[in-house]
Amino acid sequence: IGPLLAARMRKDSERAMKPDLTLPRL
């Protein structure tokens, strides 16, 4: 069931982007 739930939630996800490299330290 877990993968099916994730697949439904992934439909509204953002497109790929360059990560903000300051976030880990923040």
mmCIF file of all heavy atoms, coordinates in Angstrom:
data_MODEL
# 
_entry.id   MODEL 
# 
loop_
_atom_site.group_PDB 
_atom_site.id 
_atom_site.type_symbol 
_atom_site.label_atom_id 
_atom_site.label_alt_id 
_atom_site.label_comp_id 
_atom_site.label_asym_id 
_atom_site.label_entity_id 
_atom_site.label_seq_id 
_atom_site.pdbx_PDB_ins_code 
_atom_site.Cartn_x 
_atom_site.Cartn_y 
_atom_site.Cartn_z 
_atom_site.occupancy 
_atom_site.B_iso_or_equiv 
_atom_site.pdbx_formal_charge 
_atom_site.auth_seq_id 
_atom_site.auth_comp_id 
_atom_site.auth_asym_id 
_atom_site.auth_atom_id 
_atom_site.pdbx_PDB_model_num 
ATOM 1   N N   . ILE A 1 1  ? 0.815  -1.218 0.000   1.00 0.00 ? 1  ILE A N   1 
ATOM 2   C CA  . ILE A 1 1  ? 0.000  0.000  0.000   1.00 0.00 ? 1  ILE A CA  1 
ATOM 3   C C   . ILE A 1 1  ? 0.849  1.269  0.000   1.00 0.00 ? 1  ILE A C   1 
ATOM 4   O O   . ILE A 1 1  ? 0.489  2.265  -0.641  1.00 0.00 ? 1  ILE A O   1 
ATOM 5   C CB  . ILE A 1 1  ? -0.943 0.019  1.222   1.00 0.00 ? 1  ILE A CB  1 
ATOM 6   C CG1 . ILE A 1 1  ? -1.784 -1.251 1.262   1.00 0.00 ? 1  ILE A CG1 1 
ATOM 7   C CG2 . ILE A 1 1  ? -1.837 1.251  1.193   1.00 0.00 ? 1  ILE A CG2 1 
ATOM 8   C CD1 . ILE A 1 1  ? -2.656 -1.448 0.033   1.00 0.00 ? 1  ILE A CD1 1 
ATOM 9   N N   . GLY A 1 2  ? 1.986  1.266  0.720   1.00 0.00 ? 2  GLY A N   1 
ATOM 10  C CA  . GLY A 1 2  ? 2.821  2.459  0.824   1.00 0.00 ? 2  GLY A CA  1 
ATOM 11  C C   . GLY A 1 2  ? 3.189  3.080  -0.515  1.00 0.00 ? 2  GLY A C   1 
ATOM 12  O O   . GLY A 1 2  ? 3.017  4.291  -0.715  1.00 0.00 ? 2  GLY A O   1 
ATOM 13  N N   . PRO A 1 3  ? 3.692  2.295  -1.478  1.00 0.00 ? 3  PRO A N   1 
ATOM 14  C CA  . PRO A 1 3  ? 4.056  2.868  -2.784  1.00 0.00 ? 3  PRO A CA  1 
ATOM 15  C C   . PRO A 1 3  ? 2.860  3.470  -3.523  1.00 0.00 ? 3  PRO A C   1 
ATOM 16  O O   . PRO A 1 3  ? 3.002  4.453  -4.251  1.00 0.00 ? 3  PRO A O   1 
ATOM 17  C CB  . PRO A 1 3  ? 4.635  1.674  -3.542  1.00 0.00 ? 3  PRO A CB  1 
ATOM 18  C CG  . PRO A 1 3  ? 5.108  0.737  -2.473  1.00 0.00 ? 3  PRO A CG  1 
ATOM 19  C CD  . PRO A 1 3  ? 4.129  0.889  -1.366  1.00 0.00 ? 3  PRO A CD  1 
ATOM 20  N N   . LEU A 1 4  ? 1.665  2.882  -3.358  1.00 0.00 ? 4  LEU A N   1 
ATOM 21  C CA  . LEU A 1 4  ? 0.472  3.409  -4.015  1.00 0.00 ? 4  LEU A CA  1 
ATOM 22  C C   . LEU A 1 4  ? 0.098  4.772  -3.443  1.00 0.00 ? 4  LEU A C   1 
ATOM 23  O O   . LEU A 1 4  ? -0.269 5.696  -4.185  1.00 0.00 ? 4  LEU A O   1 
ATOM 24  C CB  . LEU A 1 4  ? -0.695 2.431  -3.853  1.00 0.00 ? 4  LEU A CB  1 
ATOM 25  C CG  . LEU A 1 4  ? -0.490 1.033  -4.454  1.00 0.00 ? 4  LEU A CG  1 
ATOM 26  C CD1 . LEU A 1 4  ? -1.713 0.157  -4.198  1.00 0.00 ? 4  LEU A CD1 1 
ATOM 27  C CD2 . LEU A 1 4  ? -0.219 1.131  -5.957  1.00 0.00 ? 4  LEU A CD2 1 
ATOM 28  N N   . LEU A 1 5  ? 0.188  4.911  -2.109  1.00 0.00 ? 5  LEU A N   1 
ATOM 29  C CA  . LEU A 1 5  ? -0.086 6.202  -1.487  1.00 0.00 ? 5  LEU A CA  1 
ATOM 30  C C   . LEU A 1 5  ? 0.902  7.255  -1.969  1.00 0.00 ? 5  LEU A C   1 
ATOM 31  O O   . LEU A 1 5  ? 0.515  8.382  -2.296  1.00 0.00 ? 5  LEU A O   1 
ATOM 32  C CB  . LEU A 1 5  ? -0.001 6.069  0.045   1.00 0.00 ? 5  LEU A CB  1 
ATOM 33  C CG  . LEU A 1 5  ? -1.084 5.259  0.744   1.00 0.00 ? 5  LEU A CG  1 
ATOM 34  C CD1 . LEU A 1 5  ? -0.784 5.182  2.240   1.00 0.00 ? 5  LEU A CD1 1 
ATOM 35  C CD2 . LEU A 1 5  ? -2.450 5.885  0.513   1.00 0.00 ? 5  LEU A CD2 1 
ATOM 36  N N   . ALA A 1 6  ? 2.181  6.885  -2.018  1.00 0.00 ? 6  ALA A N   1 
ATOM 37  C CA  . ALA A 1 6  ? 3.201  7.831  -2.458  1.00 0.00 ? 6  ALA A CA  1 
ATOM 38  C C   . ALA A 1 6  ? 2.985  8.242  -3.911  1.00 0.00 ? 6  ALA A C   1 
ATOM 39  O O   . ALA A 1 6  ? 3.172  9.405  -4.278  1.00 0.00 ? 6  ALA A O   1 
ATOM 40  C CB  . ALA A 1 6  ? 4.589  7.229  -2.276  1.00 0.00 ? 6  ALA A CB  1 
ATOM 41  N N   . ALA A 1 7  ? 2.577  7.288  -4.747  1.00 0.00 ? 7  ALA A N   1 
ATOM 42  C CA  . ALA A 1 7  ? 2.360  7.595  -6.162  1.00 0.00 ? 7  ALA A CA  1 
ATOM 43  C C   . ALA A 1 7  ? 1.239  8.617  -6.341  1.00 0.00 ? 7  ALA A C   1 
ATOM 44  O O   . ALA A 1 7  ? 1.326  9.512  -7.198  1.00 0.00 ? 7  ALA A O   1 
ATOM 45  C CB  . ALA A 1 7  ? 2.027  6.318  -6.931  1.00 0.00 ? 7  ALA A CB  1 
ATOM 46  N N   . ARG A 1 8  ? 0.203  8.518  -5.526  1.00 0.00 ? 8  ARG A N   1 
ATOM 47  C CA  . ARG A 1 8  ? -0.902 9.475  -5.616  1.00 0.00 ? 8  ARG A CA  1 
ATOM 48  C C   . ARG A 1 8  ? -0.458 10.857 -5.136  1.00 0.00 ? 8  ARG A C   1 
ATOM 49  O O   . ARG A 1 8  ? -0.846 11.879 -5.708  1.00 0.00 ? 8  ARG A O   1 
ATOM 50  C CB  . ARG A 1 8  ? -2.092 9.001  -4.794  1.00 0.00 ? 8  ARG A CB  1 
ATOM 51  C CG  . ARG A 1 8  ? -2.768 7.758  -5.346  1.00 0.00 ? 8  ARG A CG  1 
ATOM 52  C CD  . ARG A 1 8  ? -3.970 7.385  -4.510  1.00 0.00 ? 8  ARG A CD  1 
ATOM 53  N NE  . ARG A 1 8  ? -4.990 8.416  -4.562  1.00 0.00 ? 8  ARG A NE  1 
ATOM 54  C CZ  . ARG A 1 8  ? -5.941 8.502  -5.480  1.00 0.00 ? 8  ARG A CZ  1 
ATOM 55  N NH1 . ARG A 1 8  ? -5.992 7.612  -6.458  1.00 0.00 ? 8  ARG A NH1 1 
ATOM 56  N NH2 . ARG A 1 8  ? -6.845 9.456  -5.441  1.00 0.00 ? 8  ARG A NH2 1 
ATOM 57  N N   . MET A 1 9  ? 0.366  10.901 -4.105  1.00 0.00 ? 9  MET A N   1 
ATOM 58  C CA  . MET A 1 9  ? 0.807  12.184 -3.563  1.00 0.00 ? 9  MET A CA  1 
ATOM 59  C C   . MET A 1 9  ? 1.846  12.846 -4.463  1.00 0.00 ? 9  MET A C   1 
ATOM 60  O O   . MET A 1 9  ? 1.980  14.065 -4.466  1.00 0.00 ? 9  MET A O   1 
ATOM 61  C CB  . MET A 1 9  ? 1.380  11.984 -2.157  1.00 0.00 ? 9  MET A CB  1 
ATOM 62  C CG  . MET A 1 9  ? 0.317  11.606 -1.130  1.00 0.00 ? 9  MET A CG  1 
ATOM 63  S SD  . MET A 1 9  ? 0.959  11.462 0.549   1.00 0.00 ? 9  MET A SD  1 
ATOM 64  C CE  . MET A 1 9  ? 1.873  9.931  0.460   1.00 0.00 ? 9  MET A CE  1 
ATOM 65  N N   . ARG A 1 10 ? 2.575  12.050 -5.228  1.00 0.00 ? 10 ARG A N   1 
ATOM 66  C CA  . ARG A 1 10 ? 3.643  12.585 -6.063  1.00 0.00 ? 10 ARG A CA  1 
ATOM 67  C C   . ARG A 1 10 ? 3.113  13.346 -7.273  1.00 0.00 ? 10 ARG A C   1 
ATOM 68  O O   . ARG A 1 10 ? 3.840  14.116 -7.894  1.00 0.00 ? 10 ARG A O   1 
ATOM 69  C CB  . ARG A 1 10 ? 4.551  11.450 -6.527  1.00 0.00 ? 10 ARG A CB  1 
ATOM 70  C CG  . ARG A 1 10 ? 6.005  11.801 -6.417  1.00 0.00 ? 10 ARG A CG  1 
ATOM 71  C CD  . ARG A 1 10 ? 6.970  10.705 -6.718  1.00 0.00 ? 10 ARG A CD  1 
ATOM 72  N NE  . ARG A 1 10 ? 6.497  9.559  -7.407  1.00 0.00 ? 10 ARG A NE  1 
ATOM 73  C CZ  . ARG A 1 10 ? 6.600  8.313  -6.944  1.00 0.00 ? 10 ARG A CZ  1 
ATOM 74  N NH1 . ARG A 1 10 ? 7.124  8.100  -5.752  1.00 0.00 ? 10 ARG A NH1 1 
ATOM 75  N NH2 . ARG A 1 10 ? 6.178  7.287  -7.640  1.00 0.00 ? 10 ARG A NH2 1 
ATOM 76  N N   . LYS A 1 11 ? 1.836  13.186 -7.606  1.00 0.00 ? 11 LYS A N   1 
ATOM 77  C CA  . LYS A 1 11 ? 1.276  13.836 -8.785  1.00 0.00 ? 11 LYS A CA  1 
ATOM 78  C C   . LYS A 1 11 ? 1.329  15.351 -8.684  1.00 0.00 ? 11 LYS A C   1 
ATOM 79  O O   . LYS A 1 11 ? 1.446  16.050 -9.678  1.00 0.00 ? 11 LYS A O   1 
ATOM 80  C CB  . LYS A 1 11 ? -0.174 13.367 -8.990  1.00 0.00 ? 11 LYS A CB  1 
ATOM 81  C CG  . LYS A 1 11 ? -0.296 11.910 -9.400  1.00 0.00 ? 11 LYS A CG  1 
ATOM 82  C CD  . LYS A 1 11 ? -1.747 11.516 -9.588  1.00 0.00 ? 11 LYS A CD  1 
ATOM 83  C CE  . LYS A 1 11 ? -1.866 10.040 -9.990  1.00 0.00 ? 11 LYS A CE  1 
ATOM 84  N NZ  . LYS A 1 11 ? -3.277 9.633  -10.153 1.00 0.00 ? 11 LYS A NZ  1 
ATOM 85  N N   . ASP A 1 12 ? 1.202  15.860 -7.450  1.00 0.00 ? 12 ASP A N   1 
ATOM 86  C CA  . ASP A 1 12 ? 1.179  17.307 -7.257  1.00 0.00 ? 12 ASP A CA  1 
ATOM 87  C C   . ASP A 1 12 ? 2.542  17.861 -6.844  1.00 0.00 ? 12 ASP A C   1 
ATOM 88  O O   . ASP A 1 12 ? 2.635  18.984 -6.362  1.00 0.00 ? 12 ASP A O   1 
ATOM 89  C CB  . ASP A 1 12 ? 0.140  17.669 -6.185  1.00 0.00 ? 12 ASP A CB  1 
ATOM 90  C CG  . ASP A 1 12 ? -1.257 17.223 -6.584  1.00 0.00 ? 12 ASP A CG  1 
ATOM 91  O OD1 . ASP A 1 12 ? -1.565 17.273 -7.792  1.00 0.00 ? 12 ASP A OD1 1 
ATOM 92  O OD2 . ASP A 1 12 ? -2.026 16.816 -5.693  1.00 0.00 ? 12 ASP A OD2 1 
ATOM 93  N N   . SER A 1 13 ? 3.587  17.076 -7.010  1.00 0.00 ? 13 SER A N   1 
ATOM 94  C CA  . SER A 1 13 ? 4.908  17.498 -6.540  1.00 0.00 ? 13 SER A CA  1 
ATOM 95  C C   . SER A 1 13 ? 5.534  18.501 -7.493  1.00 0.00 ? 13 SER A C   1 
ATOM 96  O O   . SER A 1 13 ? 5.180  18.576 -8.679  1.00 0.00 ? 13 SER A O   1 
ATOM 97  C CB  . SER A 1 13 ? 5.828  16.283 -6.398  1.00 0.00 ? 13 SER A CB  1 
ATOM 98  O OG  . SER A 1 13 ? 5.312  15.390 -5.442  1.00 0.00 ? 13 SER A OG  1 
ATOM 99  N N   . GLU A 1 14 ? 6.490  19.255 -6.962  1.00 0.00 ? 14 GLU A N   1 
ATOM 100 C CA  . GLU A 1 14 ? 7.179  20.256 -7.762  1.00 0.00 ? 14 GLU A CA  1 
ATOM 101 C C   . GLU A 1 14 ? 8.116  19.584 -8.773  1.00 0.00 ? 14 GLU A C   1 
ATOM 102 O O   . GLU A 1 14 ? 8.541  18.457 -8.605  1.00 0.00 ? 14 GLU A O   1 
ATOM 103 C CB  . GLU A 1 14 ? 8.009  21.174 -6.852  1.00 0.00 ? 14 GLU A CB  1 
ATOM 104 C CG  . GLU A 1 14 ? 7.202  21.999 -5.874  1.00 0.00 ? 14 GLU A CG  1 
ATOM 105 C CD  . GLU A 1 14 ? 8.091  22.922 -5.056  1.00 0.00 ? 14 GLU A CD  1 
ATOM 106 O OE1 . GLU A 1 14 ? 9.191  23.257 -5.530  1.00 0.00 ? 14 GLU A OE1 1 
ATOM 107 O OE2 . GLU A 1 14 ? 7.684  23.302 -3.957  1.00 0.00 ? 14 GLU A OE2 1 
ATOM 108 N N   . ARG A 1 15 ? 8.405  20.340 -9.836  1.00 0.00 ? 15 ARG A N   1 
ATOM 109 C CA  . ARG A 1 15 ? 9.382  19.844 -10.806 1.00 0.00 ? 15 ARG A CA  1 
ATOM 110 C C   . ARG A 1 15 ? 10.777 19.891 -10.192 1.00 0.00 ? 15 ARG A C   1 
ATOM 111 O O   . ARG A 1 15 ? 11.026 20.589 -9.205  1.00 0.00 ? 15 ARG A O   1 
ATOM 112 C CB  . ARG A 1 15 ? 9.340  20.700 -12.067 1.00 0.00 ? 15 ARG A CB  1 
ATOM 113 C CG  . ARG A 1 15 ? 9.675  22.163 -11.839 1.00 0.00 ? 15 ARG A CG  1 
ATOM 114 C CD  . ARG A 1 15 ? 9.571  22.965 -13.137 1.00 0.00 ? 15 ARG A CD  1 
ATOM 115 N NE  . ARG A 1 15 ? 9.826  24.367 -12.925 1.00 0.00 ? 15 ARG A NE  1 
ATOM 116 C CZ  . ARG A 1 15 ? 11.023 24.921 -12.827 1.00 0.00 ? 15 ARG A CZ  1 
ATOM 117 N NH1 . ARG A 1 15 ? 12.113 24.147 -12.930 1.00 0.00 ? 15 ARG A NH1 1 
ATOM 118 N NH2 . ARG A 1 15 ? 11.178 26.210 -12.628 1.00 0.00 ? 15 ARG A NH2 1 
ATOM 119 N N   . ALA A 1 16 ? 11.695 19.141 -10.792 1.00 0.00 ? 16 ALA A N   1 
ATOM 120 C CA  . ALA A 1 16 ? 13.063 19.091 -10.275 1.00 0.00 ? 16 ALA A CA  1 
ATOM 121 C C   . ALA A 1 16 ? 13.704 20.477 -10.320 1.00 0.00 ? 16 ALA A C   1 
ATOM 122 O O   . ALA A 1 16 ? 13.437 21.276 -11.220 1.00 0.00 ? 16 ALA A O   1 
ATOM 123 C CB  . ALA A 1 16 ? 13.891 18.103 -11.096 1.00 0.00 ? 16 ALA A CB  1 
ATOM 124 N N   . MET A 1 17 ? 14.524 20.754 -9.344  1.00 0.00 ? 17 MET A N   1 
ATOM 125 C CA  . MET A 1 17 ? 15.165 22.052 -9.276  1.00 0.00 ? 17 MET A CA  1 
ATOM 126 C C   . MET A 1 17 ? 16.529 21.920 -8.611  1.00 0.00 ? 17 MET A C   1 
ATOM 127 O O   . MET A 1 17 ? 16.838 20.892 -7.985  1.00 0.00 ? 17 MET A O   1 
ATOM 128 C CB  . MET A 1 17 ? 14.300 23.049 -8.499  1.00 0.00 ? 17 MET A CB  1 
ATOM 129 C CG  . MET A 1 17 ? 14.011 22.628 -7.055  1.00 0.00 ? 17 MET A CG  1 
ATOM 130 S SD  . MET A 1 17 ? 12.883 23.758 -6.215  1.00 0.00 ? 17 MET A SD  1 
ATOM 131 C CE  . MET A 1 17 ? 13.882 25.242 -6.148  1.00 0.00 ? 17 MET A CE  1 
ATOM 132 N N   . LYS A 1 18 ? 17.326 22.949 -8.729  1.00 0.00 ? 18 LYS A N   1 
ATOM 133 C CA  . LYS A 1 18 ? 18.635 22.968 -8.088  1.00 0.00 ? 18 LYS A CA  1 
ATOM 134 C C   . LYS A 1 18 ? 18.449 23.205 -6.596  1.00 0.00 ? 18 LYS A C   1 
ATOM 135 O O   . LYS A 1 18 ? 17.802 24.167 -6.188  1.00 0.00 ? 18 LYS A O   1 
ATOM 136 C CB  . LYS A 1 18 ? 19.495 24.071 -8.694  1.00 0.00 ? 18 LYS A CB  1 
ATOM 137 C CG  . LYS A 1 18 ? 20.923 24.079 -8.175  1.00 0.00 ? 18 LYS A CG  1 
ATOM 138 C CD  . LYS A 1 18 ? 21.740 25.159 -8.863  1.00 0.00 ? 18 LYS A CD  1 
ATOM 139 C CE  . LYS A 1 18 ? 23.178 25.166 -8.341  1.00 0.00 ? 18 LYS A CE  1 
ATOM 140 N NZ  . LYS A 1 18 ? 23.997 26.208 -9.006  1.00 0.00 ? 18 LYS A NZ  1 
ATOM 141 N N   . PRO A 1 19 ? 18.998 22.330 -5.756  1.00 0.00 ? 19 PRO A N   1 
ATOM 142 C CA  . PRO A 1 19 ? 18.764 22.461 -4.308  1.00 0.00 ? 19 PRO A CA  1 
ATOM 143 C C   . PRO A 1 19 ? 19.465 23.672 -3.717  1.00 0.00 ? 19 PRO A C   1 
ATOM 144 O O   . PRO A 1 19 ? 20.486 24.146 -4.239  1.00 0.00 ? 19 PRO A O   1 
ATOM 145 C CB  . PRO A 1 19 ? 19.343 21.161 -3.746  1.00 0.00 ? 19 PRO A CB  1 
ATOM 146 C CG  . PRO A 1 19 ? 20.373 20.741 -4.733  1.00 0.00 ? 19 PRO A CG  1 
ATOM 147 C CD  . PRO A 1 19 ? 19.836 21.164 -6.080  1.00 0.00 ? 19 PRO A CD  1 
ATOM 148 N N   . ASP A 1 20 ? 18.898 24.156 -2.621  1.00 0.00 ? 20 ASP A N   1 
ATOM 149 C CA  . ASP A 1 20 ? 19.506 25.249 -1.867  1.00 0.00 ? 20 ASP A CA  1 
ATOM 150 C C   . ASP A 1 20 ? 20.558 24.643 -0.937  1.00 0.00 ? 20 ASP A C   1 
ATOM 151 O O   . ASP A 1 20 ? 20.229 24.002 0.065   1.00 0.00 ? 20 ASP A O   1 
ATOM 152 C CB  . ASP A 1 20 ? 18.424 25.978 -1.064  1.00 0.00 ? 20 ASP A CB  1 
ATOM 153 C CG  . ASP A 1 20 ? 18.970 27.190 -0.317  1.00 0.00 ? 20 ASP A CG  1 
ATOM 154 O OD1 . ASP A 1 20 ? 20.208 27.354 -0.270  1.00 0.00 ? 20 ASP A OD1 1 
ATOM 155 O OD2 . ASP A 1 20 ? 18.162 27.951 0.235   1.00 0.00 ? 20 ASP A OD2 1 
ATOM 156 N N   . LEU A 1 21 ? 21.824 24.839 -1.253  1.00 0.00 ? 21 LEU A N   1 
ATOM 157 C CA  . LEU A 1 21 ? 22.913 24.199 -0.513  1.00 0.00 ? 21 LEU A CA  1 
ATOM 158 C C   . LEU A 1 21 ? 23.136 24.796 0.865   1.00 0.00 ? 21 LEU A C   1 
ATOM 159 O O   . LEU A 1 21 ? 23.932 24.263 1.651   1.00 0.00 ? 21 LEU A O   1 
ATOM 160 C CB  . LEU A 1 21 ? 24.210 24.275 -1.328  1.00 0.00 ? 21 LEU A CB  1 
ATOM 161 C CG  . LEU A 1 21 ? 24.159 23.602 -2.711  1.00 0.00 ? 21 LEU A CG  1 
ATOM 162 C CD1 . LEU A 1 21 ? 25.507 23.733 -3.397  1.00 0.00 ? 21 LEU A CD1 1 
ATOM 163 C CD2 . LEU A 1 21 ? 23.748 22.146 -2.589  1.00 0.00 ? 21 LEU A CD2 1 
ATOM 164 N N   . THR A 1 22 ? 22.444 25.888 1.182   1.00 0.00 ? 22 THR A N   1 
ATOM 165 C CA  . THR A 1 22 ? 22.580 26.475 2.523   1.00 0.00 ? 22 THR A CA  1 
ATOM 166 C C   . THR A 1 22 ? 21.656 25.801 3.530   1.00 0.00 ? 22 THR A C   1 
ATOM 167 O O   . THR A 1 22 ? 21.810 26.007 4.737   1.00 0.00 ? 22 THR A O   1 
ATOM 168 C CB  . THR A 1 22 ? 22.260 27.981 2.495   1.00 0.00 ? 22 THR A CB  1 
ATOM 169 O OG1 . THR A 1 22 ? 20.880 28.177 2.147   1.00 0.00 ? 22 THR A OG1 1 
ATOM 170 C CG2 . THR A 1 22 ? 23.139 28.703 1.490   1.00 0.00 ? 22 THR A CG2 1 
ATOM 171 N N   . LEU A 1 23 ? 20.693 25.012 3.055   1.00 0.00 ? 23 LEU A N   1 
ATOM 172 C CA  . LEU A 1 23 ? 19.699 24.430 3.961   1.00 0.00 ? 23 LEU A CA  1 
ATOM 173 C C   . LEU A 1 23 ? 20.284 23.479 5.002   1.00 0.00 ? 23 LEU A C   1 
ATOM 174 O O   . LEU A 1 23 ? 19.858 23.506 6.162   1.00 0.00 ? 23 LEU A O   1 
ATOM 175 C CB  . LEU A 1 23 ? 18.614 23.720 3.146   1.00 0.00 ? 23 LEU A CB  1 
ATOM 176 C CG  . LEU A 1 23 ? 17.613 24.630 2.429   1.00 0.00 ? 23 LEU A CG  1 
ATOM 177 C CD1 . LEU A 1 23 ? 16.610 23.807 1.638   1.00 0.00 ? 23 LEU A CD1 1 
ATOM 178 C CD2 . LEU A 1 23 ? 16.882 25.522 3.430   1.00 0.00 ? 23 LEU A CD2 1 
ATOM 179 N N   . PRO A 1 24 ? 21.233 22.575 4.658   1.00 0.00 ? 24 PRO A N   1 
ATOM 180 C CA  . PRO A 1 24 ? 21.764 21.688 5.702   1.00 0.00 ? 24 PRO A CA  1 
ATOM 181 C C   . PRO A 1 24 ? 22.313 22.442 6.908   1.00 0.00 ? 24 PRO A C   1 
ATOM 182 O O   . PRO A 1 24 ? 21.975 22.117 8.059   1.00 0.00 ? 24 PRO A O   1 
ATOM 183 C CB  . PRO A 1 24 ? 22.876 20.919 4.966   1.00 0.00 ? 24 PRO A CB  1 
ATOM 184 C CG  . PRO A 1 24 ? 22.443 20.913 3.534   1.00 0.00 ? 24 PRO A CG  1 
ATOM 185 C CD  . PRO A 1 24 ? 21.783 22.243 3.325   1.00 0.00 ? 24 PRO A CD  1 
ATOM 186 N N   . ARG A 1 25 ? 23.155 23.441 6.669   1.00 0.00 ? 25 ARG A N   1 
ATOM 187 C CA  . ARG A 1 25 ? 23.709 24.216 7.785   1.00 0.00 ? 25 ARG A CA  1 
ATOM 188 C C   . ARG A 1 25 ? 22.616 24.961 8.538   1.00 0.00 ? 25 ARG A C   1 
ATOM 189 O O   . ARG A 1 25 ? 22.658 25.071 9.769   1.00 0.00 ? 25 ARG A O   1 
ATOM 190 C CB  . ARG A 1 25 ? 24.756 25.196 7.269   1.00 0.00 ? 25 ARG A CB  1 
ATOM 191 C CG  . ARG A 1 25 ? 26.053 24.565 6.826   1.00 0.00 ? 25 ARG A CG  1 
ATOM 192 C CD  . ARG A 1 25 ? 27.145 25.611 6.694   1.00 0.00 ? 25 ARG A CD  1 
ATOM 193 N NE  . ARG A 1 25 ? 26.777 26.618 5.711   1.00 0.00 ? 25 ARG A NE  1 
ATOM 194 C CZ  . ARG A 1 25 ? 27.182 26.607 4.456   1.00 0.00 ? 25 ARG A CZ  1 
ATOM 195 N NH1 . ARG A 1 25 ? 27.977 25.642 4.027   1.00 0.00 ? 25 ARG A NH1 1 
ATOM 196 N NH2 . ARG A 1 25 ? 26.807 27.547 3.604   1.00 0.00 ? 25 ARG A NH2 1 
ATOM 197 N N   . LEU A 1 26 ? 21.621 25.458 7.797   1.00 0.00 ? 26 LEU A N   1 
ATOM 198 C CA  . LEU A 1 26 ? 20.539 26.217 8.416   1.00 0.00 ? 26 LEU A CA  1 
ATOM 199 C C   . LEU A 1 26 ? 19.712 25.329 9.344   1.00 0.00 ? 26 LEU A C   1 
ATOM 200 O O   . LEU A 1 26 ? 19.378 25.720 10.473  1.00 0.00 ? 26 LEU A O   1 
ATOM 201 C CB  . LEU A 1 26 ? 19.646 26.819 7.327   1.00 0.00 ? 26 LEU A CB  1 
ATOM 202 C CG  . LEU A 1 26 ? 18.670 27.910 7.756   1.00 0.00 ? 26 LEU A CG  1 
ATOM 203 C CD1 . LEU A 1 26 ? 19.421 29.101 8.316   1.00 0.00 ? 26 LEU A CD1 1 
ATOM 204 C CD2 . LEU A 1 26 ? 17.797 28.321 6.581   1.00 0.00 ? 26 LEU A CD2 1 
# 
